[in-house]
PDB file of N, CA and C in Angstrom:
ATOM      1  N   MET A   1       2.582 -13.851 -12.066  1.00  0.00           N
ATOM      2  CA  MET A   1       1.090 -13.863 -12.204  1.00  0.00           C
ATOM      3  C   MET A   1       0.669 -15.267 -12.762  1.00  0.00           C
ATOM      4  N   THR A   2      -0.408 -15.761 -12.219  1.00  0.00           N
ATOM      5  CA  THR A   2      -0.964 -16.988 -12.685  1.00  0.00           C
ATOM      6  C   THR A   2      -2.314 -16.790 -13.363  1.00  0.00           C
ATOM      7  N   LYS A   3      -2.829 -17.819 -14.000  1.00  0.00           N
ATOM      8  CA  LYS A   3      -4.101 -17.678 -14.690  1.00  0.00           C
ATOM      9  C   LYS A   3      -5.238 -17.465 -13.730  1.00  0.00           C
ATOM     10  N   ASN A   4      -5.071 -17.817 -12.453  1.00  0.00           N
ATOM     11  CA  ASN A   4      -6.125 -17.615 -11.435  1.00  0.00           C
ATOM     12  C   ASN A   4      -6.080 -16.276 -10.763  1.00  0.00           C
ATOM     13  N   ASP A   5      -5.036 -15.482 -11.088  1.00  0.00           N
ATOM     14  CA  ASP A   5      -4.943 -14.169 -10.442  1.00  0.00           C
ATOM     15  C   ASP A   5      -5.981 -13.231 -11.131  1.00  0.00           C
ATOM     16  N   LEU A   6      -6.283 -12.156 -10.469  1.00  0.00           N
ATOM     17  CA  LEU A   6      -7.349 -11.282 -10.979  1.00  0.00           C
ATOM     18  C   LEU A   6      -6.747  -9.886 -11.297  1.00  0.00           C
ATOM     19  N   THR A   7      -6.931  -9.439 -12.521  1.00  0.00           N
ATOM     20  CA  THR A   7      -6.507  -8.109 -12.936  1.00  0.00           C
ATOM     21  C   THR A   7      -7.825  -7.280 -13.150  1.00  0.00           C
ATOM     22  N   ILE A   8      -7.938  -6.204 -12.305  1.00  0.00           N
ATOM     23  CA  ILE A   8      -9.135  -5.381 -12.354  1.00  0.00           C
ATOM     24  C   ILE A   8      -8.711  -3.931 -12.142  1.00  0.00           C
ATOM     25  N   THR A   9      -9.624  -3.009 -12.504  1.00  0.00           N
ATOM     26  CA  THR A   9      -9.308  -1.623 -12.230  1.00  0.00           C
ATOM     27  C   THR A   9      -9.658  -1.349 -10.761  1.00  0.00           C
ATOM     28  N   LEU A  10      -9.045  -0.333 -10.206  1.00  0.00           N
ATOM     29  CA  LEU A  10      -9.356   0.083  -8.829  1.00  0.00           C
ATOM     30  C   LEU A  10     -10.794   0.517  -8.738  1.00  0.00           C
ATOM     31  N   ALA A  11     -11.366   1.126  -9.797  1.00  0.00           N
ATOM     32  CA  ALA A  11     -12.770   1.485  -9.777  1.00  0.00           C
ATOM     33  C   ALA A  11     -13.654   0.314  -9.629  1.00  0.00           C
ATOM     34  N   GLU A  12     -13.363  -0.793 -10.370  1.00  0.00           N
ATOM     35  CA  GLU A  12     -14.181  -2.040 -10.198  1.00  0.00           C
ATOM     36  C   GLU A  12     -14.031  -2.567  -8.795  1.00  0.00           C
ATOM     37  N   ALA A  13     -12.828  -2.615  -8.242  1.00  0.00           N
ATOM     38  CA  ALA A  13     -12.593  -3.103  -6.903  1.00  0.00           C
ATOM     39  C   ALA A  13     -13.403  -2.293  -5.862  1.00  0.00           C
ATOM     40  N   LYS A  14     -13.369  -1.009  -6.061  1.00  0.00           N
ATOM     41  CA  LYS A  14     -14.078  -0.119  -5.065  1.00  0.00           C
ATOM     42  C   LYS A  14     -15.581  -0.313  -5.229  1.00  0.00           C
ATOM     43  N   SER A  15     -16.120  -0.438  -6.385  1.00  0.00           N
ATOM     44  CA  SER A  15     -17.516  -0.664  -6.616  1.00  0.00           C
ATOM     45  C   SER A  15     -17.941  -1.995  -5.931  1.00  0.00           C
ATOM     46  N   PHE A  16     -17.124  -2.993  -6.128  1.00  0.00           N
ATOM     47  CA  PHE A  16     -17.394  -4.302  -5.517  1.00  0.00           C
ATOM     48  C   PHE A  16     -17.411  -4.202  -3.994  1.00  0.00           C
ATOM     49  N   ILE A  17     -16.363  -3.676  -3.407  1.00  0.00           N
ATOM     50  CA  ILE A  17     -16.258  -3.516  -1.965  1.00  0.00           C
ATOM     51  C   ILE A  17     -17.381  -2.670  -1.373  1.00  0.00           C
ATOM     52  N   ASP A  18     -17.726  -1.564  -2.122  1.00  0.00           N
ATOM     53  CA  ASP A  18     -18.807  -0.692  -1.648  1.00  0.00           C
ATOM     54  C   ASP A  18     -20.128  -1.453  -1.677  1.00  0.00           C
ATOM     55  N   SER A  19     -20.305  -2.496  -2.516  1.00  0.00           N
ATOM     56  CA  SER A  19     -21.542  -3.249  -2.566  1.00  0.00           C
ATOM     57  C   SER A  19     -21.690  -4.167  -1.393  1.00  0.00           C
ATOM     58  N   LEU A  20     -20.624  -4.411  -0.624  1.00  0.00           N
ATOM     59  CA  LEU A  20     -20.696  -5.343   0.501  1.00  0.00           C
ATOM     60  C   LEU A  20     -21.366  -4.579   1.696  1.00  0.00           C
ATOM     61  N   SER A  21     -22.034  -5.301   2.542  1.00  0.00           N
ATOM     62  CA  SER A  21     -22.599  -4.616   3.726  1.00  0.00           C
ATOM     63  C   SER A  21     -21.493  -4.348   4.724  1.00  0.00           C
ATOM     64  N   ASP A  22     -21.786  -3.494   5.723  1.00  0.00           N
ATOM     65  CA  ASP A  22     -20.755  -3.145   6.707  1.00  0.00           C
ATOM     66  C   ASP A  22     -20.324  -4.341   7.508  1.00  0.00           C
ATOM     67  N   ASP A  23     -21.021  -5.449   7.444  1.00  0.00           N
ATOM     68  CA  ASP A  23     -20.649  -6.628   8.201  1.00  0.00           C
ATOM     69  C   ASP A  23     -19.461  -7.428   7.649  1.00  0.00           C
ATOM     70  N   TRP A  24     -18.991  -6.980   6.482  1.00  0.00           N
ATOM     71  CA  TRP A  24     -17.847  -7.621   5.786  1.00  0.00           C
ATOM     72  C   TRP A  24     -16.658  -6.683   5.884  1.00  0.00           C
ATOM     73  N   TYR A  25     -15.506  -7.336   5.940  1.00  0.00           N
ATOM     74  CA  TYR A  25     -14.268  -6.559   5.896  1.00  0.00           C
ATOM     75  C   TYR A  25     -13.205  -7.281   5.033  1.00  0.00           C
ATOM     76  N   ILE A  26     -12.213  -6.555   4.596  1.00  0.00           N
ATOM     77  CA  ILE A  26     -11.197  -7.110   3.718  1.00  0.00           C
ATOM     78  C   ILE A  26      -9.945  -7.475   4.534  1.00  0.00           C
ATOM     79  N   GLU A  27      -9.471  -8.713   4.358  1.00  0.00           N
ATOM     80  CA  GLU A  27      -8.323  -9.181   5.048  1.00  0.00           C
ATOM     81  C   GLU A  27      -7.185  -9.404   4.018  1.00  0.00           C
ATOM     82  N   GLY A  28      -6.091  -8.750   4.177  1.00  0.00           N
ATOM     83  CA  GLY A  28      -4.987  -8.831   3.188  1.00  0.00           C
ATOM     84  C   GLY A  28      -5.056  -7.685   2.158  1.00  0.00           C
ATOM     85  N   GLY A  29      -4.112  -7.590   1.311  1.00  0.00           N
ATOM     86  CA  GLY A  29      -4.098  -6.561   0.257  1.00  0.00           C
ATOM     87  C   GLY A  29      -3.872  -5.119   0.806  1.00  0.00           C
ATOM     88  N   GLU A  30      -3.210  -5.026   1.961  1.00  0.00           N
ATOM     89  CA  GLU A  30      -3.035  -3.704   2.562  1.00  0.00           C
ATOM     90  C   GLU A  30      -2.308  -2.703   1.651  1.00  0.00           C
ATOM     91  N   GLU A  31      -1.467  -3.223   0.760  1.00  0.00           N
ATOM     92  CA  GLU A  31      -0.753  -2.323  -0.162  1.00  0.00           C
ATOM     93  C   GLU A  31      -1.640  -1.757  -1.244  1.00  0.00           C
ATOM     94  N   VAL A  32      -2.818  -2.365  -1.440  1.00  0.00           N
ATOM     95  CA  VAL A  32      -3.786  -1.844  -2.452  1.00  0.00           C
ATOM     96  C   VAL A  32      -4.930  -1.116  -1.750  1.00  0.00           C
ATOM     97  N   PHE A  33      -5.515  -1.734  -0.750  1.00  0.00           N
ATOM     98  CA  PHE A  33      -6.699  -1.209  -0.090  1.00  0.00           C
ATOM     99  C   PHE A  33      -6.296  -0.252   1.044  1.00  0.00           C
ATOM    100  N   THR A  34      -5.881   0.940   0.652  1.00  0.00           N
ATOM    101  CA  THR A  34      -5.397   1.940   1.529  1.00  0.00           C
ATOM    102  C   THR A  34      -6.506   2.969   1.819  1.00  0.00           C
ATOM    103  N   ASP A  35      -6.238   3.909   2.705  1.00  0.00           N
ATOM    104  CA  ASP A  35      -7.168   4.984   2.950  1.00  0.00           C
ATOM    105  C   ASP A  35      -7.470   5.800   1.641  1.00  0.00           C
ATOM    106  N   GLU A  36      -6.446   5.966   0.839  1.00  0.00           N
ATOM    107  CA  GLU A  36      -6.653   6.680  -0.426  1.00  0.00           C
ATOM    108  C   GLU A  36      -7.574   5.917  -1.311  1.00  0.00           C
ATOM    109  N   PHE A  37      -7.405   4.584  -1.346  1.00  0.00           N
ATOM    110  CA  PHE A  37      -8.294   3.748  -2.179  1.00  0.00           C
ATOM    111  C   PHE A  37      -9.751   3.929  -1.771  1.00  0.00           C
ATOM    112  N   TYR A  38     -10.011   3.816  -0.437  1.00  0.00           N
ATOM    113  CA  TYR A  38     -11.376   3.885   0.065  1.00  0.00           C
ATOM    114  C   TYR A  38     -11.918   5.323  -0.149  1.00  0.00           C
ATOM    115  N   ALA A  39     -11.055   6.323  -0.222  1.00  0.00           N
ATOM    116  CA  ALA A  39     -11.488   7.706  -0.526  1.00  0.00           C
ATOM    117  C   ALA A  39     -11.669   7.926  -2.019  1.00  0.00           C
ATOM    118  N   GLY A  40     -11.413   6.939  -2.860  1.00  0.00           N
ATOM    119  CA  GLY A  40     -11.564   7.066  -4.314  1.00  0.00           C
ATOM    120  C   GLY A  40     -10.507   7.865  -4.937  1.00  0.00           C
ATOM    121  N   LYS A  41      -9.318   7.936  -4.308  1.00  0.00           N
ATOM    122  CA  LYS A  41      -8.193   8.712  -4.851  1.00  0.00           C
ATOM    123  C   LYS A  41      -7.281   7.834  -5.667  1.00  0.00           C
ATOM    124  N   PHE A  42      -7.637   7.527  -6.872  1.00  0.00           N
ATOM    125  CA  PHE A  42      -6.805   6.743  -7.789  1.00  0.00           C
ATOM    126  C   PHE A  42      -7.071   7.222  -9.210  1.00  0.00           C
ATOM    127  N   GLU A  43      -6.179   6.852 -10.066  1.00  0.00           N
ATOM    128  CA  GLU A  43      -6.268   7.275 -11.446  1.00  0.00           C
ATOM    129  C   GLU A  43      -7.336   6.440 -12.178  1.00  0.00           C
ATOM    130  N   PRO A  44      -8.110   7.062 -13.057  1.00  0.00           N
ATOM    131  CA  PRO A  44      -9.125   6.287 -13.867  1.00  0.00           C
ATOM    132  C   PRO A  44      -8.394   5.220 -14.655  1.00  0.00           C
ATOM    133  N   GLY A  45      -8.881   4.057 -14.637  1.00  0.00           N
ATOM    134  CA  GLY A  45      -8.296   2.957 -15.433  1.00  0.00           C
ATOM    135  C   GLY A  45      -7.118   2.304 -14.746  1.00  0.00           C
ATOM    136  N   GLN A  46      -6.695   2.767 -13.522  1.00  0.00           N
ATOM    137  CA  GLN A  46      -5.580   2.152 -12.889  1.00  0.00           C
ATOM    138  C   GLN A  46      -5.908   0.721 -12.512  1.00  0.00           C
ATOM    139  N   GLU A  47      -5.033  -0.190 -12.881  1.00  0.00           N
ATOM    140  CA  GLU A  47      -5.318  -1.596 -12.678  1.00  0.00           C
ATOM    141  C   GLU A  47      -4.456  -2.160 -11.525  1.00  0.00           C
ATOM    142  N   ILE A  48      -4.999  -3.219 -10.944  1.00  0.00           N
ATOM    143  CA  ILE A  48      -4.235  -3.912  -9.891  1.00  0.00           C
ATOM    144  C   ILE A  48      -4.352  -5.373 -10.240  1.00  0.00           C
ATOM    145  N   VAL A  49      -3.402  -6.172  -9.712  1.00  0.00           N
ATOM    146  CA  VAL A  49      -3.422  -7.610  -9.801  1.00  0.00           C
ATOM    147  C   VAL A  49      -3.552  -8.181  -8.382  1.00  0.00           C
ATOM    148  N   ILE A  50      -4.600  -8.991  -8.165  1.00  0.00           N
ATOM    149  CA  ILE A  50      -4.778  -9.603  -6.895  1.00  0.00           C
ATOM    150  C   ILE A  50      -4.512 -11.108  -7.032  1.00  0.00           C
ATOM    151  N   PRO A  51      -3.393 -11.544  -6.464  1.00  0.00           N
ATOM    152  CA  PRO A  51      -3.080 -12.993  -6.602  1.00  0.00           C
ATOM    153  C   PRO A  51      -4.169 -13.814  -5.930  1.00  0.00           C
ATOM    154  N   ASN A  52      -4.560 -14.894  -6.609  1.00  0.00           N
ATOM    155  CA  ASN A  52      -5.594 -15.756  -6.101  1.00  0.00           C
ATOM    156  C   ASN A  52      -5.156 -16.252  -4.708  1.00  0.00           C
ATOM    157  N   GLY A  53      -6.084 -16.155  -3.749  1.00  0.00           N
ATOM    158  CA  GLY A  53      -5.899 -16.562  -2.397  1.00  0.00           C
ATOM    159  C   GLY A  53      -5.200 -15.622  -1.488  1.00  0.00           C
ATOM    160  N   SER A  54      -4.839 -14.455  -2.004  1.00  0.00           N
ATOM    161  CA  SER A  54      -4.000 -13.467  -1.160  1.00  0.00           C
ATOM    162  C   SER A  54      -4.893 -12.516  -0.403  1.00  0.00           C
ATOM    163  N   VAL A  55      -6.154 -12.357  -0.790  1.00  0.00           N
ATOM    164  CA  VAL A  55      -7.052 -11.406  -0.140  1.00  0.00           C
ATOM    165  C   VAL A  55      -8.375 -12.166   0.181  1.00  0.00           C
ATOM    166  N   ALA A  56      -8.867 -11.893   1.375  1.00  0.00           N
ATOM    167  CA  ALA A  56     -10.124 -12.559   1.788  1.00  0.00           C
ATOM    168  C   ALA A  56     -11.174 -11.525   2.143  1.00  0.00           C
ATOM    169  N   ILE A  57     -12.439 -11.954   2.026  1.00  0.00           N
ATOM    170  CA  ILE A  57     -13.563 -11.147   2.487  1.00  0.00           C
ATOM    171  C   ILE A  57     -14.103 -11.838   3.693  1.00  0.00           C
ATOM    172  N   CYS A  58     -14.147 -11.202   4.838  1.00  0.00           N
ATOM    173  CA  CYS A  58     -14.545 -11.826   6.070  1.00  0.00           C
ATOM    174  C   CYS A  58     -15.847 -11.216   6.620  1.00  0.00           C
ATOM    175  N   TYR A  59     -16.655 -12.108   7.179  1.00  0.00           N
ATOM    176  CA  TYR A  59     -17.954 -11.650   7.692  1.00  0.00           C
ATOM    177  C   TYR A  59     -17.947 -11.782   9.208  1.00  0.00           C
ATOM    178  N   GLN A  60     -18.386 -10.714   9.905  1.00  0.00           N
ATOM    179  CA  GLN A  60     -18.478 -10.756  11.342  1.00  0.00           C
ATOM    180  C   GLN A  60     -19.683  -9.971  11.761  1.00  0.00           C
ATOM    181  N   GLY A  61     -20.813 -10.217  11.099  1.00  0.00           N
ATOM    182  CA  GLY A  61     -22.058  -9.450  11.384  1.00  0.00           C
ATOM    183  C   GLY A  61     -22.876 -10.097  12.519  1.00  0.00           C
ATOM    184  N   ASP A  62     -24.032  -9.628  12.646  1.00  0.00           N
ATOM    185  CA  ASP A  62     -24.981 -10.154  13.647  1.00  0.00           C
ATOM    186  C   ASP A  62     -25.249 -11.620  13.369  1.00  0.00           C
ATOM    187  N   ASN A  63     -25.544 -12.337  14.447  1.00  0.00           N
ATOM    188  CA  ASN A  63     -25.794 -13.782  14.328  1.00  0.00           C
ATOM    189  C   ASN A  63     -24.660 -14.558  13.761  1.00  0.00           C
ATOM    190  N   CYS A  64     -23.436 -14.014  13.877  1.00  0.00           N
ATOM    191  CA  CYS A  64     -22.315 -14.725  13.341  1.00  0.00           C
ATOM    192  C   CYS A  64     -21.762 -15.631  14.423  1.00  0.00           C
ATOM    193  N   VAL A  65     -21.911 -16.948  14.209  1.00  0.00           N
ATOM    194  CA  VAL A  65     -21.427 -17.906  15.195  1.00  0.00           C
ATOM    195  C   VAL A  65     -19.956 -18.169  14.958  1.00  0.00           C
ATOM    196  N   GLU A  66     -19.570 -18.318  13.657  1.00  0.00           N
ATOM    197  CA  GLU A  66     -18.220 -18.543  13.298  1.00  0.00           C
ATOM    198  C   GLU A  66     -17.905 -17.605  12.154  1.00  0.00           C
ATOM    199  N   GLU A  67     -16.735 -17.001  12.157  1.00  0.00           N
ATOM    200  CA  GLU A  67     -16.394 -16.055  11.092  1.00  0.00           C
ATOM    201  C   GLU A  67     -16.458 -16.741   9.745  1.00  0.00           C
ATOM    202  N   GLU A  68     -17.112 -16.118   8.767  1.00  0.00           N
ATOM    203  CA  GLU A  68     -17.217 -16.641   7.397  1.00  0.00           C
ATOM    204  C   GLU A  68     -16.128 -15.953   6.563  1.00  0.00           C
ATOM    205  N   ILE A  69     -15.378 -16.722   5.883  1.00  0.00           N
ATOM    206  CA  ILE A  69     -14.275 -16.207   5.065  1.00  0.00           C
ATOM    207  C   ILE A  69     -14.441 -16.666   3.653  1.00  0.00           C
ATOM    208  N   LYS A  70     -14.382 -15.683   2.693  1.00  0.00           N
ATOM    209  CA  LYS A  70     -14.458 -15.964   1.231  1.00  0.00           C
ATOM    210  C   LYS A  70     -13.268 -15.466   0.485  1.00  0.00           C
ATOM    211  N   ASP A  71     -12.869 -16.127  -0.535  1.00  0.00           N
ATOM    212  CA  ASP A  71     -11.759 -15.671  -1.329  1.00  0.00           C
ATOM    213  C   ASP A  71     -12.222 -14.425  -2.167  1.00  0.00           C
ATOM    214  N   PHE A  72     -11.416 -13.382  -2.151  1.00  0.00           N
ATOM    215  CA  PHE A  72     -11.763 -12.158  -2.893  1.00  0.00           C
ATOM    216  C   PHE A  72     -11.938 -12.413  -4.367  1.00  0.00           C
ATOM    217  N   VAL A  73     -10.955 -13.112  -4.965  1.00  0.00           N
ATOM    218  CA  VAL A  73     -10.967 -13.331  -6.424  1.00  0.00           C
ATOM    219  C   VAL A  73     -12.241 -14.048  -6.893  1.00  0.00           C
ATOM    220  N   SER A  74     -12.571 -15.138  -6.256  1.00  0.00           N
ATOM    221  CA  SER A  74     -13.708 -15.953  -6.734  1.00  0.00           C
ATOM    222  C   SER A  74     -15.038 -15.210  -6.420  1.00  0.00           C
ATOM    223  N   THR A  75     -15.076 -14.468  -5.265  1.00  0.00           N
ATOM    224  CA  THR A  75     -16.304 -13.711  -4.943  1.00  0.00           C
ATOM    225  C   THR A  75     -16.462 -12.568  -5.872  1.00  0.00           C
ATOM    226  N   PHE A  76     -15.372 -11.890  -6.208  1.00  0.00           N
ATOM    227  CA  PHE A  76     -15.459 -10.768  -7.200  1.00  0.00           C
ATOM    228  C   PHE A  76     -15.941 -11.263  -8.533  1.00  0.00           C
ATOM    229  N   LYS A  77     -15.369 -12.386  -9.029  1.00  0.00           N
ATOM    230  CA  LYS A  77     -15.789 -12.871 -10.300  1.00  0.00           C
ATOM    231  C   LYS A  77     -17.282 -13.213 -10.349  1.00  0.00           C
ATOM    232  N   LYS A  78     -17.809 -13.788  -9.273  1.00  0.00           N
ATOM    233  CA  LYS A  78     -19.244 -14.068  -9.223  1.00  0.00           C
ATOM    234  C   LYS A  78     -20.049 -12.764  -9.231  1.00  0.00           C
ATOM    235  N   TRP A  79     -19.604 -11.841  -8.424  1.00  0.00           N
ATOM    236  CA  TRP A  79     -20.270 -10.484  -8.383  1.00  0.00           C
ATOM    237  C   TRP A  79     -20.290  -9.838  -9.748  1.00  0.00           C
ATOM    238  N   LYS A  80     -19.153  -9.901 -10.464  1.00  0.00           N
ATOM    239  CA  LYS A  80     -19.045  -9.237 -11.777  1.00  0.00           C
ATOM    240  C   LYS A  80     -19.976  -9.896 -12.779  1.00  0.00           C
ATOM    241  N   GLN A  81     -20.149 -11.229 -12.708  1.00  0.00           N
ATOM    242  CA  GLN A  81     -21.077 -11.883 -13.630  1.00  0.00           C
ATOM    243  C   GLN A  81     -22.531 -11.466 -13.403  1.00  0.00           C
ATOM    244  N   GLU A  82     -22.823 -11.069 -12.194  1.00  0.00           N
ATOM    245  CA  GLU A  82     -24.241 -10.667 -11.873  1.00  0.00           C
ATOM    246  C   GLU A  82     -24.460  -9.194 -12.215  1.00  0.00           C
ATOM    247  N   GLN A  83     -23.454  -8.419 -12.580  1.00  0.00           N
ATOM    248  CA  GLN A  83     -23.638  -7.025 -12.873  1.00  0.00           C
ATOM    249  C   GLN A  83     -24.249  -6.820 -14.279  1.00  0.00           C
ATOM    250  N   THR A  84     -25.010  -5.739 -14.400  1.00  0.00           N
ATOM    251  CA  THR A  84     -25.621  -5.421 -15.680  1.00  0.00           C
ATOM    252  C   THR A  84     -24.873  -4.275 -16.378  1.00  0.00           C
ATOM    253  N   THR A  85     -23.771  -3.850 -15.760  1.00  0.00           N
ATOM    254  CA  THR A  85     -23.006  -2.731 -16.347  1.00  0.00           C
ATOM    255  C   THR A  85     -21.552  -3.177 -16.348  1.00  0.00           C
ATOM    256  N   GLU A  86     -20.737  -2.445 -17.144  1.00  0.00           N
ATOM    257  CA  GLU A  86     -19.290  -2.707 -17.149  1.00  0.00           C
ATOM    258  C   GLU A  86     -18.573  -1.358 -17.098  1.00  0.00           C
ATOM    259  N   PHE A  87     -17.334  -1.460 -16.596  1.00  0.00           N
ATOM    260  CA  PHE A  87     -16.470  -0.274 -16.495  1.00  0.00           C
ATOM    261  C   PHE A  87     -15.686  -0.142 -17.805  1.00  0.00           C
ATOM    262  N   VAL A  88     -15.668   1.076 -18.359  1.00  0.00           N
ATOM    263  CA  VAL A  88     -14.862   1.389 -19.533  1.00  0.00           C
ATOM    264  C   VAL A  88     -14.130   2.663 -19.223  1.00  0.00           C
ATOM    265  N   THR A  89     -12.804   2.702 -19.436  1.00  0.00           N
ATOM    266  CA  THR A  89     -12.035   3.882 -19.182  1.00  0.00           C
ATOM    267  C   THR A  89     -11.221   4.201 -20.414  1.00  0.00           C
ATOM    268  N   PHE A  90     -11.186   5.451 -20.818  1.00  0.00           N
ATOM    269  CA  PHE A  90     -10.305   5.891 -21.903  1.00  0.00           C
ATOM    270  C   PHE A  90      -9.998   7.337 -21.705  1.00  0.00           C
ATOM    271  N   GLU A  91      -8.887   7.744 -22.349  1.00  0.00           N
ATOM    272  CA  GLU A  91      -8.487   9.134 -22.214  1.00  0.00           C
ATOM    273  C   GLU A  91      -8.936   9.912 -23.445  1.00  0.00           C
ATOM    274  N   ILE A  92      -9.330  11.176 -23.225  1.00  0.00           N
ATOM    275  CA  ILE A  92      -9.708  12.078 -24.249  1.00  0.00           C
ATOM    276  C   ILE A  92      -8.972  13.372 -24.093  1.00  0.00           C
ATOM    277  N   PRO A  93      -8.867  14.193 -25.133  1.00  0.00           N
ATOM    278  CA  PRO A  93      -8.239  15.503 -24.985  1.00  0.00           C
ATOM    279  C   PRO A  93      -9.005  16.348 -23.979  1.00  0.00           C
ATOM    280  N   LYS A  94      -8.270  17.097 -23.243  1.00  0.00           N
ATOM    281  CA  LYS A  94      -8.824  17.996 -22.190  1.00  0.00           C
ATOM    282  C   LYS A  94      -9.821  18.937 -22.836  1.00  0.00           C
ATOM    283  N   GLY A  95     -10.915  19.155 -22.209  1.00  0.00           N
ATOM    284  CA  GLY A  95     -11.970  20.062 -22.691  1.00  0.00           C
ATOM    285  C   GLY A  95     -13.040  19.410 -23.529  1.00  0.00           C
ATOM    286  N   MET A  96     -12.883  18.094 -23.775  1.00  0.00           N
ATOM    287  CA  MET A  96     -13.903  17.410 -24.645  1.00  0.00           C
ATOM    288  C   MET A  96     -14.827  16.491 -23.890  1.00  0.00           C
ATOM    289  N   LYS A  97     -14.739  16.531 -22.544  1.00  0.00           N
ATOM    290  CA  LYS A  97     -15.589  15.664 -21.734  1.00  0.00           C
ATOM    291  C   LYS A  97     -17.059  15.774 -22.009  1.00  0.00           C
ATOM    292  N   LYS A  98     -17.533  17.008 -22.077  1.00  0.00           N
ATOM    293  CA  LYS A  98     -18.952  17.242 -22.360  1.00  0.00           C
ATOM    294  C   LYS A  98     -19.412  16.680 -23.715  1.00  0.00           C
ATOM    295  N   GLU A  99     -18.600  16.919 -24.702  1.00  0.00           N
ATOM    296  CA  GLU A  99     -18.931  16.383 -26.053  1.00  0.00           C
ATOM    297  C   GLU A  99     -18.905  14.877 -26.126  1.00  0.00           C
ATOM    298  N   VAL A 100     -17.902  14.317 -25.495  1.00  0.00           N
ATOM    299  CA  VAL A 100     -17.739  12.839 -25.532  1.00  0.00           C
ATOM    300  C   VAL A 100     -18.873  12.224 -24.743  1.00  0.00           C
ATOM    301  N   THR A 101     -19.208  12.760 -23.607  1.00  0.00           N
ATOM    302  CA  THR A 101     -20.336  12.256 -22.790  1.00  0.00           C
ATOM    303  C   THR A 101     -21.578  12.291 -23.577  1.00  0.00           C
ATOM    304  N   LYS A 102     -21.819  13.379 -24.285  1.00  0.00           N
ATOM    305  CA  LYS A 102     -23.029  13.507 -25.076  1.00  0.00           C
ATOM    306  C   LYS A 102     -23.081  12.464 -26.169  1.00  0.00           C
ATOM    307  N   LEU A 103     -21.966  12.171 -26.843  1.00  0.00           N
ATOM    308  CA  LEU A 103     -21.841  11.178 -27.899  1.00  0.00           C
ATOM    309  C   LEU A 103     -22.106   9.804 -27.328  1.00  0.00           C
ATOM    310  N   VAL A 104     -21.501   9.503 -26.210  1.00  0.00           N
ATOM    311  CA  VAL A 104     -21.669   8.142 -25.591  1.00  0.00           C
ATOM    312  C   VAL A 104     -23.108   7.939 -25.174  1.00  0.00           C
ATOM    313  N   ASN A 105     -23.695   8.935 -24.520  1.00  0.00           N
ATOM    314  CA  ASN A 105     -25.069   8.837 -24.105  1.00  0.00           C
ATOM    315  C   ASN A 105     -26.044   8.716 -25.298  1.00  0.00           C
ATOM    316  N   GLY A 106     -25.714   9.437 -26.380  1.00  0.00           N
ATOM    317  CA  GLY A 106     -26.556   9.298 -27.605  1.00  0.00           C
ATOM    318  C   GLY A 106     -26.457   7.907 -28.161  1.00  0.00           C
ATOM    319  N   PHE A 107     -25.240   7.363 -28.198  1.00  0.00           N
ATOM    320  CA  PHE A 107     -25.042   5.997 -28.682  1.00  0.00           C
ATOM    321  C   PHE A 107     -25.820   4.984 -27.811  1.00  0.00           C
ATOM    322  N   LEU A 108     -25.671   5.169 -26.518  1.00  0.00           N
ATOM    323  CA  LEU A 108     -26.320   4.227 -25.615  1.00  0.00           C
ATOM    324  C   LEU A 108     -27.883   4.283 -25.794  1.00  0.00           C
ATOM    325  N   ASN A 109     -28.402   5.502 -25.898  1.00  0.00           N
ATOM    326  CA  ASN A 109     -29.851   5.647 -26.078  1.00  0.00           C
ATOM    327  C   ASN A 109     -30.297   5.086 -27.397  1.00  0.00           C
ATOM    328  N   LYS A 110     -29.511   5.276 -28.449  1.00  0.00           N
ATOM    329  CA  LYS A 110     -29.903   4.736 -29.748  1.00  0.00           C
ATOM    330  C   LYS A 110     -29.831   3.263 -29.822  1.00  0.00           C
ATOM    331  N   HIS A 111     -28.897   2.643 -29.066  1.00  0.00           N
ATOM    332  CA  HIS A 111     -28.694   1.207 -29.151  1.00  0.00           C
ATOM    333  C   HIS A 111     -29.109   0.490 -27.916  1.00  0.00           C
ATOM    334  N   ALA A 112     -29.974   1.044 -27.123  1.00  0.00           N
ATOM    335  CA  ALA A 112     -30.415   0.436 -25.885  1.00  0.00           C
ATOM    336  C   ALA A 112     -31.140  -0.888 -26.194  1.00  0.00           C
ATOM    337  N   HIS A 113     -31.781  -0.931 -27.377  1.00  0.00           N
ATOM    338  CA  HIS A 113     -32.542  -2.112 -27.713  1.00  0.00           C
ATOM    339  C   HIS A 113     -31.646  -3.345 -27.883  1.00  0.00           C
ATOM    340  N   LEU A 114     -30.333  -3.145 -28.151  1.00  0.00           N
ATOM    341  CA  LEU A 114     -29.426  -4.234 -28.314  1.00  0.00           C
ATOM    342  C   LEU A 114     -29.383  -5.112 -27.061  1.00  0.00           C
ATOM    343  N   GLU A 115     -29.389  -4.520 -25.904  1.00  0.00           N
ATOM    344  CA  GLU A 115     -29.368  -5.266 -24.670  1.00  0.00           C
ATOM    345  C   GLU A 115     -30.672  -5.986 -24.450  1.00  0.00           C
ATOM    346  N   ASN A 116     -31.768  -5.375 -24.862  1.00  0.00           N
ATOM    347  CA  ASN A 116     -33.089  -6.019 -24.696  1.00  0.00           C
ATOM    348  C   ASN A 116     -33.312  -7.189 -25.634  1.00  0.00           C
ATOM    349  N   ASP A 117     -32.544  -7.164 -26.770  1.00  0.00           N
ATOM    350  CA  ASP A 117     -32.729  -8.211 -27.771  1.00  0.00           C
ATOM    351  C   ASP A 117     -31.988  -9.496 -27.452  1.00  0.00           C
ATOM    352  N   LYS A 118     -31.135  -9.437 -26.454  1.00  0.00           N
ATOM    353  CA  LYS A 118     -30.318 -10.685 -26.080  1.00  0.00           C
ATOM    354  C   LYS A 118     -31.179 -11.780 -25.578  1.00  0.00           C
TER     355      LYS A 118
END
């Protein structure tokens, strides 16, 4: 792994790919981007490493004169900087999801002003 490689959760990768229009497709990364991945069948918090330059995002939409190809890693990083939310994953004891969700939502509501104060 090099400093330019990307370590992300599968949930982040899926959110990014889902944000692309249907005119884009993924080239490379077949071992990660499987039918199960696209169906959302992965463990919460499961991480992947995408080596820099190993996966591309390719455009073949309307009015495409020449195929446009972008590096997945750099395009993902730009997309992530533009996001106003972040992914957080943690394990809790079974049966406590409702209570933890209520606590987290209460915290977010109470501290929503922190984001506005930046």
